[in-house]
Amino acid sequence: MKNIAIFLLVNLFALTISAQLTEIPQQEIPEEYGYIVKIGQTVPEFEMELTDGSKVKMSELRGKIVMLQFTASWCSVCRKEMPHIEKDIWLKNKNNKDFALYGLDMDEPLDKVKRFEKEMKITYPLALDPGADIFYTFAAKGAGVTRNIIIDKNGKIVYMTRLFKLEEFDEMVQVIDLLLKS
């Protein structure tokens, strides 16, 4: 009897560990997150200027799974989250032609953003967001960073986070994985 119980516990544990999302969770975004965009909405068009001077338009990213990470050097929660984004998302997917990740730094000058990038030891591209114009396309005035937006291949917003909560972050990683498989 003891062996059967151990067998069942081991199998239950194995099933729990191997559990993967099979569909994108239906997210209810709390009002206090401060988003002015909604799940299912087409991502607004904008152009980003990266720290290397190149420019990227959202419309050029159609056909890819896109992660936008809104950040700032003064944000302690951003600093906590960024190594996880680097390790668990960027390094795993950077060579996938169907994936794009951009950090958008909120209203800081180029030299500061480059220092921040180097200090954080991240290799995913950072873009400038002067005046936080891009940020305020997604979030209400006065809303804070860090936040992430996941966009599907059709340009629809499918997942959004606010602050760094490990459970929500892990679910976001699974959503990206699921979208890349489909």
Protein backbone atom coordinates (compact mmCIF):
# COMPACT_ATOMS: atom_id res chain seq x y z
CA MET A 1 0.00 0.00 0.00
CA LYS A 2 2.85 2.34 0.89
CA ASN A 3 4.48 1.66 -2.50
CA ILE A 4 1.25 2.54 -4.32
CA ALA A 5 0.96 5.82 -2.43
CA ILE A 6 4.57 6.71 -3.26
CA PHE A 7 3.98 5.77 -6.90
CA LEU A 8 0.89 7.99 -7.08
CA LEU A 9 2.67 10.91 -5.41
CA VAL A 10 5.65 10.64 -7.76
CA ASN A 11 3.36 10.56 -10.81
CA LEU A 12 1.30 13.50 -9.52
CA PHE A 13 4.51 15.45 -8.92
CA ALA A 14 5.77 14.61 -12.43
CA LEU A 15 2.48 15.72 -13.98
CA THR A 16 2.56 18.98 -12.01
CA ILE A 17 6.12 19.75 -13.11
CA SER A 18 5.47 18.94 -16.75
CA ALA A 19 2.22 20.95 -16.87
CA GLN A 20 2.37 23.37 -19.78
CA LEU A 21 -0.20 25.81 -21.00
CA THR A 22 -2.19 24.44 -23.89
CA GLU A 23 -4.04 27.69 -24.49
CA ILE A 24 -3.50 31.33 -23.64
CA PRO A 25 -5.10 32.19 -20.30
CA GLN A 26 -8.08 34.52 -20.35
CA GLN A 27 -6.59 37.42 -18.43
CA GLU A 28 -8.57 39.87 -16.36
CA ILE A 29 -6.36 42.94 -16.13
CA PRO A 30 -6.93 44.74 -12.83
CA GLU A 31 -7.82 48.41 -13.19
CA GLU A 32 -4.95 49.35 -10.86
CA TYR A 33 -2.48 48.06 -13.49
CA GLY A 34 -3.21 51.33 -15.31
CA TYR A 35 -3.45 49.93 -18.83
CA ILE A 36 -5.43 51.87 -21.43
CA VAL A 37 -5.11 49.05 -23.99
CA LYS A 38 -7.01 45.78 -23.74
CA ILE A 39 -6.34 42.11 -24.38
CA GLY A 40 -7.39 41.32 -27.96
CA GLN A 41 -6.78 44.86 -29.18
CA THR A 42 -4.48 45.46 -32.15
CA VAL A 43 -1.23 46.96 -30.91
CA PRO A 44 -0.98 50.68 -31.75
CA GLU A 45 1.48 51.67 -34.48
CA PHE A 46 4.66 53.43 -33.35
CA GLU A 47 8.34 53.59 -34.19
CA MET A 48 11.16 52.80 -31.75
CA GLU A 49 14.69 54.12 -31.94
CA LEU A 50 17.13 51.59 -30.52
CA THR A 51 20.30 52.46 -28.63
CA ASP A 52 22.34 51.60 -31.75
CA GLY A 53 20.43 54.26 -33.73
CA SER A 54 18.36 51.84 -35.81
CA LYS A 55 14.60 52.22 -35.97
CA VAL A 56 11.82 49.63 -35.83
CA LYS A 57 8.12 50.12 -36.56
CA MET A 58 5.54 47.87 -34.95
CA SER A 59 4.04 47.15 -38.38
CA GLU A 60 7.42 45.68 -39.44
CA LEU A 61 7.09 43.10 -36.66
CA ARG A 62 3.84 41.55 -37.94
CA GLY A 63 4.26 37.80 -38.26
CA LYS A 64 6.39 37.64 -35.12
CA ILE A 65 5.60 37.10 -31.47
CA VAL A 66 6.66 40.38 -29.85
CA MET A 67 7.43 41.18 -26.24
CA LEU A 68 7.57 44.82 -25.21
CA GLN A 69 9.17 45.45 -21.83
CA PHE A 70 8.70 48.93 -20.40
CA THR A 71 11.55 49.83 -18.08
CA ALA A 72 13.68 52.63 -16.59
CA SER A 73 17.07 52.74 -14.89
CA TRP A 74 15.59 54.17 -11.68
CA CYS A 75 13.03 51.32 -11.36
CA SER A 76 14.13 48.78 -8.74
CA VAL A 77 11.46 46.26 -9.80
CA CYS A 78 12.69 46.54 -13.42
CA ARG A 79 16.21 45.77 -12.23
CA LYS A 80 14.90 42.69 -10.44
CA GLU A 81 12.95 41.48 -13.49
CA MET A 82 15.46 42.15 -16.28
CA PRO A 83 17.87 39.28 -15.47
CA HIS A 84 14.89 36.90 -15.66
CA ILE A 85 13.86 38.32 -19.04
CA GLU A 86 17.44 37.94 -20.28
CA LYS A 87 17.83 34.36 -19.04
CA ASP A 88 14.34 32.87 -19.34
CA ILE A 89 13.08 34.62 -22.48
CA TRP A 90 15.75 36.36 -24.53
CA LEU A 91 18.60 33.85 -24.44
CA LYS A 92 16.13 31.03 -25.11
CA ASN A 93 14.42 32.73 -28.08
CA LYS A 94 16.82 35.29 -29.55
CA ASN A 95 17.69 33.10 -32.54
CA ASN A 96 14.05 32.36 -33.33
CA LYS A 97 13.10 34.37 -36.44
CA ASP A 98 9.49 34.41 -35.20
CA PHE A 99 10.33 36.25 -31.95
CA ALA A 100 11.23 39.84 -31.12
CA LEU A 101 11.88 41.45 -27.73
CA TYR A 102 12.38 45.15 -27.10
CA GLY A 103 12.89 46.94 -23.84
CA LEU A 104 11.60 50.51 -23.99
CA ASP A 105 13.31 52.83 -21.56
CA MET A 106 10.96 55.47 -20.19
CA ASP A 107 12.08 59.03 -20.89
CA GLU A 108 15.84 58.76 -20.31
CA PRO A 109 18.67 60.04 -22.54
CA LEU A 110 20.73 57.73 -24.74
CA ASP A 111 23.88 57.80 -22.58
CA LYS A 112 21.92 56.84 -19.47
CA VAL A 113 20.10 54.02 -21.29
CA LYS A 114 23.39 52.63 -22.63
CA ARG A 115 24.89 52.68 -19.11
CA PHE A 116 21.78 50.95 -17.77
CA GLU A 117 22.00 48.28 -20.49
CA LYS A 118 25.66 47.62 -19.67
CA GLU A 119 25.08 47.67 -15.91
CA MET A 120 22.21 45.18 -16.18
CA LYS A 121 24.27 42.93 -18.50
CA ILE A 122 21.35 42.49 -20.86
CA THR A 123 21.80 41.68 -24.52
CA TYR A 124 18.24 42.21 -25.75
CA PRO A 125 17.69 45.49 -27.58
CA LEU A 126 16.66 48.62 -25.70
CA ALA A 127 14.79 51.49 -27.31
CA LEU A 128 14.44 55.09 -26.24
CA ASP A 129 11.05 56.48 -25.30
CA PRO A 130 11.52 60.26 -25.06
CA GLY A 131 8.69 61.89 -23.16
CA ALA A 132 7.34 58.36 -22.51
CA ASP A 133 5.15 58.83 -25.61
CA ILE A 134 5.15 55.12 -26.46
CA PHE A 135 4.57 54.14 -22.83
CA TYR A 136 1.53 56.40 -22.58
CA THR A 137 0.09 54.77 -25.70
CA PHE A 138 -0.34 51.68 -23.49
CA ALA A 139 -0.68 53.01 -19.94
CA ALA A 140 -2.44 55.88 -18.25
CA LYS A 141 -0.56 59.04 -17.30
CA GLY A 142 1.10 58.49 -13.96
CA ALA A 143 1.18 54.69 -14.34
CA GLY A 144 4.51 53.09 -13.56
CA VAL A 145 6.95 50.64 -15.03
CA THR A 146 7.81 47.70 -15.09
CA ARG A 147 5.27 46.12 -17.39
CA ASN A 148 5.33 43.67 -20.29
CA ILE A 149 3.06 43.28 -23.29
CA ILE A 150 2.97 40.15 -25.42
CA ILE A 151 1.72 40.54 -29.00
CA ASP A 152 0.79 37.66 -31.31
CA LYS A 153 1.75 37.23 -34.97
CA ASN A 154 -1.40 39.09 -36.05
CA GLY A 155 -0.50 42.17 -34.00
CA LYS A 156 -3.04 41.48 -31.23
CA ILE A 157 -2.24 42.03 -27.56
CA VAL A 158 -2.55 38.64 -25.86
CA TYR A 159 -0.91 39.03 -22.44
CA MET A 160 0.09 41.89 -20.12
CA THR A 161 1.93 42.07 -16.80
CA ARG A 162 2.58 44.73 -14.20
CA LEU A 163 5.44 44.72 -11.70
CA PHE A 164 7.39 41.49 -11.22
CA LYS A 165 5.44 38.61 -9.77
CA LEU A 166 7.19 35.29 -10.36
CA GLU A 167 3.97 33.33 -10.95
CA GLU A 168 2.73 35.86 -13.52
CA PHE A 169 6.20 36.01 -15.11
CA ASP A 170 6.35 32.21 -15.40
CA GLU A 171 2.90 32.19 -17.00
CA MET A 172 4.08 34.88 -19.46
CA VAL A 173 7.06 32.67 -20.40
CA GLN A 174 4.64 29.79 -21.05
CA VAL A 175 2.40 32.07 -23.16
CA ILE A 176 5.42 33.05 -25.31
CA ASP A 177 6.42 29.38 -25.67
CA LEU A 178 2.87 28.42 -26.66
CA LEU A 179 2.60 31.22 -29.21
CA LEU A 180 5.93 30.26 -30.75
CA LYS A 181 4.76 26.64 -31.13
CA SER A 182 1.55 27.58 -32.92
